[in-house]
């Protein structure tokens, strides 16, 4: 008969080992809680700029078939009271061409007169905080857009003394603010047209008017 083989001795867990295991587990749980809480705080209440802005962008491009001089008159931005942005004319930036600008009152309202020849590009771009509470969401010589009681097809008056040019006009006034670190909200009106004027002086053109929505 085979002799009895004794069971292997049981390994005894020391109290210090149990305590160490519990401490490590608790430390891991606390670290996870801190990480999750930090991520949630950053998404919901994170350190980001909640102040909104008003962004304005005015752009004109003229494509010409010759180098002969032409004169055009176009609408300019205004607020609801019909007031233009301060220093609008002084802050125009010319990308191509050598235009001469003038601002005047016409039979259809205030307009910017542009005398140039050949290809032309110029723009005006401004941004300021919404705390200024100043927005230029309208255009002179334009009806059927923001600020008008009777909304309808948007049209604008322009002037041209030449039929062999093509005018691209675009303007937008956007209110933008951050509703969360990665999500912007807001919106605003946009105006644009791209056309050959008939070259016979003042004429009304159809404006592609819409509302840009952010988020």
N, C-alpha and C. Protein backbone atom coordinates (compact mmCIF):
# COMPACT_ATOMS: atom_id res chain seq x y z
N UNK A 1 0.86 -1.21 0.00
CA UNK A 1 0.00 0.00 0.00
C UNK A 1 0.88 1.23 0.00
N UNK A 2 0.55 2.16 -0.97
CA UNK A 2 1.39 3.35 -1.12
C UNK A 2 1.23 4.25 0.08
N UNK A 3 2.31 4.81 0.50
CA UNK A 3 2.24 5.71 1.66
C UNK A 3 1.43 6.96 1.32
N UNK A 4 0.80 7.48 2.34
CA UNK A 4 0.03 8.73 2.14
C UNK A 4 0.97 9.88 1.83
N UNK A 5 0.56 10.63 0.78
CA UNK A 5 1.35 11.81 0.40
C UNK A 5 0.70 13.03 1.02
N UNK A 6 1.38 13.73 1.82
CA UNK A 6 0.76 14.90 2.48
C UNK A 6 0.43 16.01 1.48
N UNK A 7 -0.66 16.72 1.72
CA UNK A 7 -1.02 17.87 0.87
C UNK A 7 0.07 18.93 0.96
N UNK A 8 0.28 19.66 -0.21
CA UNK A 8 1.27 20.72 -0.16
C UNK A 8 0.84 21.81 0.79
N UNK A 9 1.75 22.39 1.44
CA UNK A 9 1.38 23.43 2.43
C UNK A 9 0.69 24.60 1.74
N UNK A 10 -0.35 25.09 2.34
CA UNK A 10 -1.06 26.26 1.81
C UNK A 10 -0.24 27.52 2.01
N UNK A 11 -0.30 28.36 0.91
CA UNK A 11 0.40 29.63 1.02
C UNK A 11 -0.49 30.63 1.76
N UNK A 12 0.00 31.11 2.79
CA UNK A 12 -0.75 32.02 3.64
C UNK A 12 -0.52 33.46 3.15
N UNK A 13 -1.62 34.21 2.99
CA UNK A 13 -1.51 35.62 2.58
C UNK A 13 -1.31 36.46 3.81
N UNK A 14 -0.27 37.20 3.77
CA UNK A 14 0.03 38.05 4.91
C UNK A 14 -0.93 39.24 4.95
N UNK A 15 -1.27 39.71 6.10
CA UNK A 15 -2.16 40.88 6.21
C UNK A 15 -1.63 42.08 5.44
N UNK A 16 -0.30 42.24 5.42
CA UNK A 16 0.26 43.38 4.70
C UNK A 16 0.01 43.28 3.20
N UNK A 17 0.03 42.04 2.65
CA UNK A 17 -0.24 41.86 1.23
C UNK A 17 -1.68 42.22 0.89
N UNK A 18 -2.62 41.83 1.73
CA UNK A 18 -4.03 42.16 1.50
C UNK A 18 -4.23 43.67 1.52
N UNK A 19 -3.60 44.30 2.49
CA UNK A 19 -3.74 45.75 2.62
C UNK A 19 -3.17 46.45 1.39
N UNK A 20 -2.04 45.95 0.90
CA UNK A 20 -1.42 46.56 -0.27
C UNK A 20 -2.30 46.41 -1.51
N UNK A 21 -2.91 45.22 -1.66
CA UNK A 21 -3.80 44.99 -2.80
C UNK A 21 -5.00 45.93 -2.77
N UNK A 22 -5.57 46.10 -1.58
CA UNK A 22 -6.73 46.99 -1.43
C UNK A 22 -6.33 48.42 -1.76
N UNK A 23 -5.17 48.84 -1.28
CA UNK A 23 -4.72 50.21 -1.52
C UNK A 23 -4.49 50.48 -3.01
N UNK A 24 -3.89 49.50 -3.70
CA UNK A 24 -3.64 49.66 -5.14
C UNK A 24 -4.96 49.75 -5.90
N UNK A 25 -5.90 48.88 -5.53
CA UNK A 25 -7.21 48.89 -6.20
C UNK A 25 -7.92 50.23 -5.99
N UNK A 26 -7.88 50.72 -4.76
CA UNK A 26 -8.52 52.01 -4.47
C UNK A 26 -7.84 53.14 -5.25
N UNK A 27 -6.52 53.08 -5.33
CA UNK A 27 -5.81 54.13 -6.07
C UNK A 27 -6.20 54.13 -7.54
N UNK A 28 -6.34 52.94 -8.12
CA UNK A 28 -6.75 52.85 -9.52
C UNK A 28 -8.15 53.42 -9.71
N UNK A 29 -9.07 53.06 -8.80
CA UNK A 29 -10.44 53.56 -8.90
C UNK A 29 -10.49 55.08 -8.77
N UNK A 30 -9.72 55.63 -7.83
CA UNK A 30 -9.69 57.08 -7.65
C UNK A 30 -9.15 57.76 -8.91
N UNK A 31 -8.09 57.18 -9.49
CA UNK A 31 -7.52 57.77 -10.71
C UNK A 31 -8.52 57.76 -11.85
N UNK A 32 -9.27 56.66 -11.98
CA UNK A 32 -10.28 56.59 -13.04
C UNK A 32 -11.37 57.63 -12.83
N UNK A 33 -11.81 57.79 -11.57
CA UNK A 33 -12.84 58.78 -11.28
C UNK A 33 -12.34 60.19 -11.62
N UNK A 34 -11.10 60.49 -11.27
CA UNK A 34 -10.53 61.81 -11.56
C UNK A 34 -10.46 62.06 -13.07
N UNK A 35 -10.03 61.05 -13.84
CA UNK A 35 -9.93 61.19 -15.28
C UNK A 35 -11.29 61.43 -15.90
N UNK A 36 -12.28 60.62 -15.50
CA UNK A 36 -13.64 60.76 -16.05
C UNK A 36 -14.22 62.12 -15.69
N UNK A 37 -14.03 62.54 -14.44
CA UNK A 37 -14.57 63.83 -14.02
C UNK A 37 -13.89 64.98 -14.76
N UNK A 38 -12.58 64.87 -15.00
CA UNK A 38 -11.87 65.92 -15.72
C UNK A 38 -12.34 66.04 -17.15
N UNK A 39 -12.54 64.90 -17.81
CA UNK A 39 -13.02 64.92 -19.19
C UNK A 39 -14.42 65.53 -19.26
N UNK A 40 -15.30 65.13 -18.33
CA UNK A 40 -16.66 65.67 -18.32
C UNK A 40 -16.65 67.17 -18.06
N UNK A 41 -15.82 67.62 -17.16
CA UNK A 41 -15.74 69.06 -16.87
C UNK A 41 -15.23 69.83 -18.08
N UNK A 42 -14.24 69.27 -18.79
CA UNK A 42 -13.69 69.96 -19.95
C UNK A 42 -14.73 70.10 -21.05
N UNK A 43 -15.53 69.04 -21.25
CA UNK A 43 -16.54 69.07 -22.30
C UNK A 43 -17.66 70.03 -21.97
N UNK A 44 -18.07 70.03 -20.68
CA UNK A 44 -19.25 70.81 -20.30
C UNK A 44 -18.87 72.22 -19.82
N UNK A 45 -17.87 72.31 -18.97
CA UNK A 45 -17.52 73.59 -18.37
C UNK A 45 -16.05 73.94 -18.57
N UNK A 46 -15.47 73.47 -19.63
CA UNK A 46 -14.04 73.63 -19.83
C UNK A 46 -13.60 75.07 -19.99
N UNK A 47 -12.30 75.31 -19.88
CA UNK A 47 -11.77 76.67 -19.98
C UNK A 47 -11.70 77.15 -21.42
N UNK A 48 -12.81 77.61 -21.98
CA UNK A 48 -12.83 78.12 -23.34
C UNK A 48 -13.54 79.46 -23.35
N UNK A 49 -13.31 80.18 -24.40
CA UNK A 49 -13.86 81.53 -24.52
C UNK A 49 -15.33 81.47 -24.92
N UNK A 50 -16.21 81.86 -24.01
CA UNK A 50 -17.64 81.84 -24.31
C UNK A 50 -18.09 83.12 -24.99
N UNK A 51 -17.23 84.11 -25.07
CA UNK A 51 -17.63 85.38 -25.67
C UNK A 51 -17.79 85.23 -27.18
N UNK A 52 -18.92 85.69 -27.69
CA UNK A 52 -19.19 85.59 -29.12
C UNK A 52 -18.55 86.74 -29.89
N UNK A 53 -18.60 86.63 -31.21
CA UNK A 53 -18.05 87.66 -32.08
C UNK A 53 -19.03 87.95 -33.21
N UNK A 54 -18.90 89.13 -33.80
CA UNK A 54 -19.57 89.48 -35.04
C UNK A 54 -18.50 89.54 -36.12
N UNK A 55 -18.64 88.71 -37.13
CA UNK A 55 -17.66 88.62 -38.21
C UNK A 55 -18.28 89.14 -39.51
N UNK A 56 -17.63 90.10 -40.13
CA UNK A 56 -18.14 90.73 -41.36
C UNK A 56 -17.12 90.57 -42.47
N UNK A 57 -17.60 90.21 -43.65
CA UNK A 57 -16.69 90.04 -44.78
C UNK A 57 -17.37 90.54 -46.05
N UNK A 58 -16.73 91.49 -46.72
CA UNK A 58 -17.23 92.13 -47.94
C UNK A 58 -16.19 91.89 -49.02
N UNK A 59 -16.61 91.36 -50.17
CA UNK A 59 -15.66 91.00 -51.21
C UNK A 59 -16.23 91.34 -52.58
N UNK A 60 -15.38 91.93 -53.44
CA UNK A 60 -15.78 92.27 -54.81
C UNK A 60 -14.67 91.82 -55.76
N UNK A 61 -15.09 91.17 -56.84
CA UNK A 61 -14.17 90.81 -57.91
C UNK A 61 -14.77 91.27 -59.24
N UNK A 62 -13.96 91.91 -60.06
CA UNK A 62 -14.40 92.35 -61.39
C UNK A 62 -13.51 91.69 -62.43
N UNK A 63 -14.16 91.00 -63.37
CA UNK A 63 -13.43 90.36 -64.47
C UNK A 63 -13.70 91.19 -65.73
N UNK A 64 -12.64 91.67 -66.36
CA UNK A 64 -12.78 92.55 -67.52
C UNK A 64 -12.17 91.91 -68.76
N UNK A 65 -12.79 92.17 -69.91
CA UNK A 65 -12.29 91.63 -71.18
C UNK A 65 -11.28 92.55 -71.85
N UNK A 66 -11.06 93.71 -71.26
CA UNK A 66 -10.09 94.65 -71.84
C UNK A 66 -9.49 95.46 -70.70
N UNK A 67 -8.58 96.34 -71.05
CA UNK A 67 -7.94 97.19 -70.04
C UNK A 67 -8.55 98.59 -70.03
N UNK A 68 -9.68 98.76 -70.70
CA UNK A 68 -10.34 100.06 -70.69
C UNK A 68 -10.92 100.34 -69.30
N UNK A 69 -10.94 101.60 -68.94
CA UNK A 69 -11.44 101.98 -67.62
C UNK A 69 -12.96 101.79 -67.54
N UNK A 70 -13.42 101.40 -66.37
CA UNK A 70 -14.86 101.26 -66.11
C UNK A 70 -15.17 101.89 -64.76
N UNK A 71 -16.45 102.19 -64.58
CA UNK A 71 -16.94 102.74 -63.31
C UNK A 71 -18.14 101.94 -62.87
N UNK A 72 -18.12 101.48 -61.63
CA UNK A 72 -19.26 100.74 -61.07
C UNK A 72 -19.59 101.34 -59.71
N UNK A 73 -20.85 101.19 -59.29
CA UNK A 73 -21.29 101.58 -57.96
C UNK A 73 -22.01 100.41 -57.33
N UNK A 74 -21.66 100.11 -56.08
CA UNK A 74 -22.16 98.91 -55.41
C UNK A 74 -22.68 99.26 -54.02
N UNK A 75 -23.55 98.40 -53.46
CA UNK A 75 -24.06 98.65 -52.11
C UNK A 75 -22.96 98.48 -51.06
N UNK A 76 -23.19 99.07 -49.89
CA UNK A 76 -22.26 98.97 -48.77
C UNK A 76 -23.02 98.49 -47.53
N UNK A 77 -22.30 97.90 -46.56
CA UNK A 77 -22.96 97.38 -45.35
C UNK A 77 -23.51 98.49 -44.46
N UNK A 78 -24.62 98.20 -43.80
CA UNK A 78 -25.17 99.11 -42.80
C UNK A 78 -25.78 98.29 -41.66
N UNK A 79 -26.03 98.95 -40.55
CA UNK A 79 -26.80 98.32 -39.49
C UNK A 79 -28.28 98.61 -39.71
N UNK A 80 -29.12 98.25 -38.74
CA UNK A 80 -30.56 98.42 -38.91
C UNK A 80 -30.96 99.89 -38.98
N UNK A 81 -30.09 100.76 -38.49
CA UNK A 81 -30.39 102.20 -38.53
C UNK A 81 -29.85 102.87 -39.78
N UNK A 82 -29.25 102.08 -40.67
CA UNK A 82 -28.72 102.64 -41.91
C UNK A 82 -27.34 103.25 -41.78
N UNK A 83 -26.65 102.97 -40.66
CA UNK A 83 -25.32 103.53 -40.43
C UNK A 83 -24.25 102.56 -40.92
N UNK A 84 -23.27 103.07 -41.64
CA UNK A 84 -22.17 102.25 -42.14
C UNK A 84 -21.16 101.95 -41.04
N UNK A 85 -20.35 100.90 -41.22
CA UNK A 85 -19.25 100.64 -40.28
C UNK A 85 -18.25 101.79 -40.29
N UNK A 86 -17.71 102.07 -39.12
CA UNK A 86 -16.70 103.12 -39.01
C UNK A 86 -15.46 102.71 -39.81
N UNK A 87 -14.93 103.63 -40.58
CA UNK A 87 -13.69 103.45 -41.36
C UNK A 87 -13.82 102.34 -42.42
N UNK A 88 -15.02 102.14 -42.92
CA UNK A 88 -15.19 101.12 -43.95
C UNK A 88 -14.33 101.43 -45.17
N UNK A 89 -14.39 102.64 -45.65
CA UNK A 89 -13.64 103.01 -46.84
C UNK A 89 -12.13 102.96 -46.60
N UNK A 90 -11.69 103.43 -45.44
CA UNK A 90 -10.26 103.45 -45.15
C UNK A 90 -9.67 102.05 -44.98
N UNK A 91 -10.51 101.10 -44.58
CA UNK A 91 -10.01 99.76 -44.29
C UNK A 91 -10.19 98.77 -45.45
N UNK A 92 -10.60 99.26 -46.61
CA UNK A 92 -10.68 98.39 -47.78
C UNK A 92 -9.27 97.91 -48.16
N UNK A 93 -9.18 96.63 -48.49
CA UNK A 93 -7.89 96.05 -48.87
C UNK A 93 -7.96 95.59 -50.33
N UNK A 94 -7.02 96.05 -51.14
CA UNK A 94 -6.98 95.71 -52.56
C UNK A 94 -6.00 94.56 -52.75
N UNK A 95 -6.51 93.45 -53.32
CA UNK A 95 -5.67 92.29 -53.60
C UNK A 95 -5.07 92.37 -55.00
N UNK A 96 -5.85 92.86 -55.97
CA UNK A 96 -5.36 93.00 -57.35
C UNK A 96 -6.02 94.22 -57.99
N UNK A 97 -5.27 94.92 -58.81
CA UNK A 97 -5.79 96.10 -59.48
C UNK A 97 -5.37 97.39 -58.79
N UNK A 98 -5.74 98.50 -59.41
CA UNK A 98 -5.44 99.82 -58.87
C UNK A 98 -6.69 100.68 -58.92
N UNK A 99 -7.67 100.38 -58.08
CA UNK A 99 -8.94 101.12 -58.13
C UNK A 99 -8.85 102.46 -57.41
N UNK A 100 -9.79 103.33 -57.75
CA UNK A 100 -10.00 104.58 -57.03
C UNK A 100 -11.39 104.50 -56.43
N UNK A 101 -11.49 104.65 -55.11
CA UNK A 101 -12.76 104.51 -54.41
C UNK A 101 -13.33 105.88 -54.03
N UNK A 102 -14.65 105.94 -54.04
CA UNK A 102 -15.35 107.13 -53.55
C UNK A 102 -16.67 106.68 -52.96
N UNK A 103 -17.09 107.36 -51.91
CA UNK A 103 -18.36 107.04 -51.26
C UNK A 103 -19.30 108.21 -51.49
N UNK A 104 -20.53 107.90 -51.95
CA UNK A 104 -21.46 108.99 -52.22
C UNK A 104 -22.90 108.59 -52.06
N UNK A 105 -23.75 109.62 -51.98
CA UNK A 105 -25.20 109.41 -51.93
C UNK A 105 -25.74 109.45 -53.35
N UNK A 106 -26.47 108.42 -53.72
CA UNK A 106 -27.03 108.32 -55.06
C UNK A 106 -28.56 108.38 -54.99
N UNK A 107 -29.18 108.31 -56.15
CA UNK A 107 -30.65 108.33 -56.19
C UNK A 107 -31.23 107.09 -55.53
N UNK A 108 -30.43 106.04 -55.37
CA UNK A 108 -30.92 104.79 -54.76
C UNK A 108 -30.35 104.54 -53.38
N UNK A 109 -29.55 105.45 -52.88
CA UNK A 109 -28.97 105.29 -51.56
C UNK A 109 -27.46 105.41 -51.60
N UNK A 110 -26.84 105.22 -50.46
CA UNK A 110 -25.39 105.34 -50.36
C UNK A 110 -24.73 104.19 -51.08
N UNK A 111 -23.63 104.49 -51.81
CA UNK A 111 -22.95 103.46 -52.60
C UNK A 111 -21.45 103.75 -52.63
N UNK A 112 -20.70 102.71 -52.87
CA UNK A 112 -19.28 102.87 -53.11
C UNK A 112 -19.06 102.89 -54.62
N UNK A 113 -18.40 103.95 -55.10
CA UNK A 113 -18.09 104.07 -56.52
C UNK A 113 -16.64 103.60 -56.73
N UNK A 114 -16.47 102.76 -57.74
CA UNK A 114 -15.17 102.18 -58.02
C UNK A 114 -14.79 102.48 -59.47
N UNK A 115 -13.65 103.14 -59.65
CA UNK A 115 -13.11 103.34 -60.99
C UNK A 115 -11.83 102.53 -61.11
N UNK A 116 -11.77 101.68 -62.14
CA UNK A 116 -10.61 100.80 -62.29
C UNK A 116 -10.53 100.35 -63.74
N UNK A 117 -9.54 99.53 -64.03
CA UNK A 117 -9.41 98.91 -65.35
C UNK A 117 -8.82 97.52 -65.16
N UNK A 118 -9.24 96.60 -66.03
CA UNK A 118 -8.73 95.24 -65.93
C UNK A 118 -9.29 94.49 -64.73
N UNK A 119 -8.62 93.39 -64.41
CA UNK A 119 -9.06 92.52 -63.32
C UNK A 119 -8.89 93.24 -61.98
N UNK A 120 -9.87 93.02 -61.08
CA UNK A 120 -9.86 93.74 -59.81
C UNK A 120 -10.38 92.84 -58.69
N UNK A 121 -9.74 92.93 -57.53
CA UNK A 121 -10.23 92.27 -56.31
C UNK A 121 -9.98 93.19 -55.13
N UNK A 122 -11.02 93.39 -54.32
CA UNK A 122 -10.82 94.12 -53.07
C UNK A 122 -11.81 93.59 -52.03
N UNK A 123 -11.53 93.86 -50.76
CA UNK A 123 -12.36 93.30 -49.69
C UNK A 123 -12.28 94.16 -48.44
N UNK A 124 -13.19 93.87 -47.53
CA UNK A 124 -13.21 94.48 -46.19
C UNK A 124 -13.59 93.38 -45.22
N UNK A 125 -12.81 93.22 -44.16
CA UNK A 125 -13.05 92.15 -43.20
C UNK A 125 -12.83 92.69 -41.79
N UNK A 126 -13.84 92.52 -40.93
CA UNK A 126 -13.73 93.01 -39.56
C UNK A 126 -14.42 92.04 -38.60
N UNK A 127 -13.83 91.96 -37.40
CA UNK A 127 -14.41 91.15 -36.33
C UNK A 127 -14.32 91.93 -35.03
N UNK A 128 -15.40 91.86 -34.23
CA UNK A 128 -15.35 92.47 -32.91
C UNK A 128 -16.25 91.67 -31.96
N UNK A 129 -16.08 91.84 -30.65
CA UNK A 129 -16.85 91.05 -29.68
C UNK A 129 -18.32 91.42 -29.68
N UNK A 130 -19.16 90.45 -29.36
CA UNK A 130 -20.60 90.69 -29.35
C UNK A 130 -21.00 91.67 -28.25
N UNK A 131 -20.11 91.89 -27.29
CA UNK A 131 -20.41 92.85 -26.24
C UNK A 131 -20.55 94.27 -26.79
N UNK A 132 -19.99 94.50 -27.98
CA UNK A 132 -20.16 95.81 -28.60
C UNK A 132 -21.59 96.01 -29.10
N UNK A 133 -22.31 94.89 -29.26
CA UNK A 133 -23.72 94.94 -29.68
C UNK A 133 -23.90 95.77 -30.96
N UNK A 134 -23.01 95.56 -31.91
CA UNK A 134 -23.08 96.29 -33.17
C UNK A 134 -22.96 95.30 -34.32
N UNK A 135 -23.99 95.30 -35.16
CA UNK A 135 -24.01 94.35 -36.27
C UNK A 135 -24.44 95.06 -37.55
N UNK A 136 -23.77 94.73 -38.64
CA UNK A 136 -24.07 95.33 -39.94
C UNK A 136 -24.60 94.23 -40.86
N UNK A 137 -25.88 93.92 -40.68
CA UNK A 137 -26.48 92.81 -41.40
C UNK A 137 -27.32 93.23 -42.60
N UNK A 138 -27.26 94.50 -42.97
CA UNK A 138 -28.02 95.00 -44.11
C UNK A 138 -27.08 95.56 -45.18
N UNK A 139 -27.64 95.85 -46.33
CA UNK A 139 -26.91 96.51 -47.41
C UNK A 139 -27.73 97.70 -47.90
N UNK A 140 -27.05 98.76 -48.27
CA UNK A 140 -27.74 99.89 -48.89
C UNK A 140 -28.26 99.47 -50.27
N UNK A 141 -29.24 100.21 -50.76
CA UNK A 141 -29.80 100.01 -52.12
C UNK A 141 -30.34 98.59 -52.31
N UNK A 142 -30.69 97.91 -51.21
CA UNK A 142 -31.10 96.50 -51.27
C UNK A 142 -32.41 96.31 -50.53
N UNK A 143 -33.31 95.57 -51.12
CA UNK A 143 -34.59 95.25 -50.47
C UNK A 143 -34.83 93.75 -50.50
N UNK A 144 -35.69 93.32 -49.56
CA UNK A 144 -36.05 91.90 -49.49
C UNK A 144 -35.12 91.08 -48.64
N UNK A 145 -34.35 91.74 -47.75
CA UNK A 145 -33.38 91.02 -46.93
C UNK A 145 -33.59 91.36 -45.46
N UNK A 146 -32.66 90.98 -44.62
CA UNK A 146 -32.78 91.21 -43.19
C UNK A 146 -33.00 92.69 -42.89
N UNK A 147 -33.91 92.94 -41.95
CA UNK A 147 -34.18 94.32 -41.57
C UNK A 147 -35.35 94.94 -42.29
N UNK A 148 -35.92 94.23 -43.26
CA UNK A 148 -37.06 94.75 -44.00
C UNK A 148 -38.32 94.01 -43.57
N UNK A 149 -39.40 94.76 -43.37
CA UNK A 149 -40.62 94.15 -42.87
C UNK A 149 -41.22 93.20 -43.89
N UNK A 150 -41.21 93.57 -45.16
CA UNK A 150 -41.80 92.72 -46.20
C UNK A 150 -40.69 91.90 -46.86
N UNK A 151 -40.49 90.69 -46.36
CA UNK A 151 -39.46 89.83 -46.92
C UNK A 151 -39.93 89.28 -48.27
N UNK A 152 -39.08 89.31 -49.24
CA UNK A 152 -39.43 88.81 -50.56
C UNK A 152 -38.17 88.57 -51.36
N UNK A 153 -38.27 88.50 -52.67
CA UNK A 153 -37.06 88.35 -53.50
C UNK A 153 -36.10 89.49 -53.20
N UNK A 154 -34.85 89.15 -53.00
CA UNK A 154 -33.85 90.15 -52.67
C UNK A 154 -33.27 90.75 -53.95
N UNK A 155 -33.31 92.06 -54.07
CA UNK A 155 -32.77 92.76 -55.24
C UNK A 155 -31.95 93.95 -54.77
N UNK A 156 -31.01 94.34 -55.59
CA UNK A 156 -30.15 95.46 -55.24
C UNK A 156 -29.86 96.31 -56.47
N UNK A 157 -29.68 97.60 -56.25
CA UNK A 157 -29.30 98.51 -57.32
C UNK A 157 -27.78 98.52 -57.46
N UNK A 158 -27.30 98.51 -58.70
CA UNK A 158 -25.89 98.71 -58.99
C UNK A 158 -25.78 99.63 -60.20
N UNK A 159 -24.59 100.18 -60.39
CA UNK A 159 -24.34 101.03 -61.56
C UNK A 159 -23.12 100.50 -62.30
N UNK A 160 -23.19 100.53 -63.63
CA UNK A 160 -22.04 100.17 -64.46
C UNK A 160 -22.11 100.95 -65.77
N UNK A 161 -20.96 101.39 -66.25
CA UNK A 161 -20.93 102.08 -67.54
C UNK A 161 -20.35 101.20 -68.65
N UNK A 162 -20.14 99.93 -68.34
CA UNK A 162 -19.59 99.03 -69.34
C UNK A 162 -20.31 97.68 -69.29
N UNK A 163 -20.60 97.07 -70.46
CA UNK A 163 -21.25 95.77 -70.47
C UNK A 163 -20.28 94.59 -70.54
N UNK A 164 -18.99 94.87 -70.79
CA UNK A 164 -18.05 93.77 -71.00
C UNK A 164 -17.21 93.46 -69.76
N UNK A 165 -17.82 93.65 -68.60
CA UNK A 165 -17.20 93.23 -67.35
C UNK A 165 -18.16 92.31 -66.62
N UNK A 166 -17.62 91.54 -65.71
CA UNK A 166 -18.46 90.65 -64.90
C UNK A 166 -18.13 90.90 -63.44
N UNK A 167 -19.17 91.10 -62.65
CA UNK A 167 -18.99 91.47 -61.24
C UNK A 167 -19.42 90.32 -60.34
N UNK A 168 -18.51 89.96 -59.44
CA UNK A 168 -18.86 89.02 -58.37
C UNK A 168 -18.86 89.80 -57.07
N UNK A 169 -19.99 89.77 -56.37
CA UNK A 169 -20.17 90.51 -55.13
C UNK A 169 -20.60 89.54 -54.04
N UNK A 170 -20.00 89.68 -52.85
CA UNK A 170 -20.38 88.82 -51.74
C UNK A 170 -20.23 89.58 -50.43
N UNK A 171 -21.22 89.43 -49.56
CA UNK A 171 -21.15 90.03 -48.24
C UNK A 171 -21.83 89.11 -47.23
N UNK A 172 -21.22 89.00 -46.03
CA UNK A 172 -21.83 88.21 -44.97
C UNK A 172 -21.57 88.86 -43.62
N UNK A 173 -22.54 88.71 -42.74
CA UNK A 173 -22.45 89.24 -41.38
C UNK A 173 -22.85 88.12 -40.43
N UNK A 174 -21.87 87.53 -39.75
CA UNK A 174 -22.09 86.30 -38.99
C UNK A 174 -21.86 86.53 -37.50
N UNK A 175 -22.85 86.15 -36.71
CA UNK A 175 -22.70 86.15 -35.25
C UNK A 175 -22.29 84.73 -34.84
N UNK A 176 -21.13 84.62 -34.21
CA UNK A 176 -20.63 83.29 -33.84
C UNK A 176 -20.24 83.28 -32.37
N UNK A 177 -20.63 82.20 -31.69
CA UNK A 177 -20.24 82.03 -30.29
C UNK A 177 -20.05 80.54 -30.03
N UNK A 178 -19.32 80.22 -28.96
CA UNK A 178 -19.02 78.83 -28.63
C UNK A 178 -20.01 78.35 -27.58
N UNK A 179 -20.79 77.32 -27.94
CA UNK A 179 -21.70 76.72 -26.97
C UNK A 179 -21.01 75.62 -26.19
N UNK A 180 -19.85 75.14 -26.65
CA UNK A 180 -19.01 74.17 -25.98
C UNK A 180 -17.64 74.28 -26.63
N UNK A 181 -16.61 73.65 -26.01
CA UNK A 181 -15.26 73.84 -26.57
C UNK A 181 -15.13 73.48 -28.04
N UNK A 182 -15.91 72.53 -28.51
CA UNK A 182 -15.74 72.07 -29.88
C UNK A 182 -16.98 72.31 -30.74
N UNK A 183 -17.96 73.08 -30.23
CA UNK A 183 -19.19 73.29 -30.99
C UNK A 183 -19.51 74.78 -31.05
N UNK A 184 -19.43 75.32 -32.24
CA UNK A 184 -19.77 76.72 -32.45
C UNK A 184 -21.25 76.84 -32.82
N UNK A 185 -21.85 77.94 -32.46
CA UNK A 185 -23.25 78.21 -32.80
C UNK A 185 -23.35 79.62 -33.36
N UNK A 186 -24.51 79.90 -33.95
CA UNK A 186 -24.76 81.24 -34.47
C UNK A 186 -25.19 81.21 -35.92
N UNK A 187 -24.96 82.33 -36.60
CA UNK A 187 -25.34 82.43 -38.00
C UNK A 187 -25.54 83.88 -38.39
N UNK A 188 -25.97 84.06 -39.64
CA UNK A 188 -26.21 85.42 -40.10
C UNK A 188 -26.48 85.47 -41.59
N UNK A 189 -26.82 86.66 -42.10
CA UNK A 189 -27.21 86.81 -43.50
C UNK A 189 -26.01 86.79 -44.44
N UNK A 190 -26.25 86.28 -45.65
CA UNK A 190 -25.24 86.30 -46.71
C UNK A 190 -25.90 86.84 -47.99
N UNK A 191 -25.15 87.64 -48.73
CA UNK A 191 -25.63 88.24 -49.98
C UNK A 191 -24.58 87.96 -51.05
N UNK A 192 -25.03 87.64 -52.26
CA UNK A 192 -24.07 87.48 -53.36
C UNK A 192 -24.78 87.60 -54.71
N UNK A 193 -24.01 88.04 -55.71
CA UNK A 193 -24.47 87.96 -57.10
C UNK A 193 -23.24 87.88 -57.99
N UNK A 194 -23.43 87.35 -59.17
CA UNK A 194 -22.35 87.16 -60.13
C UNK A 194 -22.96 87.36 -61.51
N UNK A 195 -22.68 88.50 -62.12
CA UNK A 195 -23.43 88.82 -63.33
C UNK A 195 -22.69 89.82 -64.21
N UNK A 196 -23.11 89.87 -65.50
CA UNK A 196 -22.68 90.90 -66.44
C UNK A 196 -23.69 92.03 -66.37
N UNK A 197 -23.28 93.23 -65.99
CA UNK A 197 -24.22 94.36 -66.06
C UNK A 197 -24.49 94.72 -67.52
N UNK A 198 -25.61 95.39 -67.76
CA UNK A 198 -25.92 95.72 -69.15
C UNK A 198 -25.20 96.98 -69.62
N UNK A 199 -24.50 97.66 -68.69
CA UNK A 199 -23.69 98.80 -69.09
C UNK A 199 -24.47 100.05 -69.41
N UNK A 200 -25.74 100.12 -69.03
CA UNK A 200 -26.57 101.27 -69.36
C UNK A 200 -26.87 102.15 -68.16
N UNK A 201 -26.02 102.10 -67.16
CA UNK A 201 -26.25 102.93 -65.98
C UNK A 201 -26.80 102.11 -64.83
N UNK A 202 -27.79 102.68 -64.13
CA UNK A 202 -28.37 102.01 -62.97
C UNK A 202 -29.26 100.85 -63.40
N UNK A 203 -29.19 99.76 -62.65
CA UNK A 203 -30.03 98.58 -62.91
C UNK A 203 -30.19 97.77 -61.64
N UNK A 204 -31.29 97.06 -61.56
CA UNK A 204 -31.53 96.18 -60.42
C UNK A 204 -31.08 94.77 -60.76
N UNK A 205 -30.42 94.13 -59.80
CA UNK A 205 -29.95 92.76 -59.99
C UNK A 205 -30.53 91.87 -58.90
N UNK A 206 -30.74 90.63 -59.24
CA UNK A 206 -31.22 89.65 -58.26
C UNK A 206 -30.06 89.24 -57.36
N UNK A 207 -30.32 89.23 -56.07
CA UNK A 207 -29.29 88.88 -55.09
C UNK A 207 -29.62 87.51 -54.50
N UNK A 208 -28.62 86.66 -54.46
CA UNK A 208 -28.76 85.37 -53.79
C UNK A 208 -28.62 85.63 -52.29
N UNK A 209 -29.76 85.71 -51.61
CA UNK A 209 -29.79 86.04 -50.19
C UNK A 209 -30.13 84.79 -49.39
N UNK A 210 -29.39 84.57 -48.34
CA UNK A 210 -29.66 83.41 -47.48
C UNK A 210 -29.21 83.67 -46.06
N UNK A 211 -29.30 82.62 -45.26
CA UNK A 211 -28.94 82.72 -43.85
C UNK A 211 -28.01 81.57 -43.51
N UNK A 212 -26.78 81.90 -43.18
CA UNK A 212 -25.82 80.87 -42.79
C UNK A 212 -26.11 80.42 -41.36
N UNK A 213 -26.24 79.12 -41.18
CA UNK A 213 -26.50 78.55 -39.85
C UNK A 213 -25.26 77.81 -39.38
N UNK A 214 -24.79 78.15 -38.21
CA UNK A 214 -23.66 77.43 -37.59
C UNK A 214 -24.22 76.53 -36.49
N UNK A 215 -24.00 75.24 -36.65
CA UNK A 215 -24.49 74.22 -35.70
C UNK A 215 -26.01 74.26 -35.66
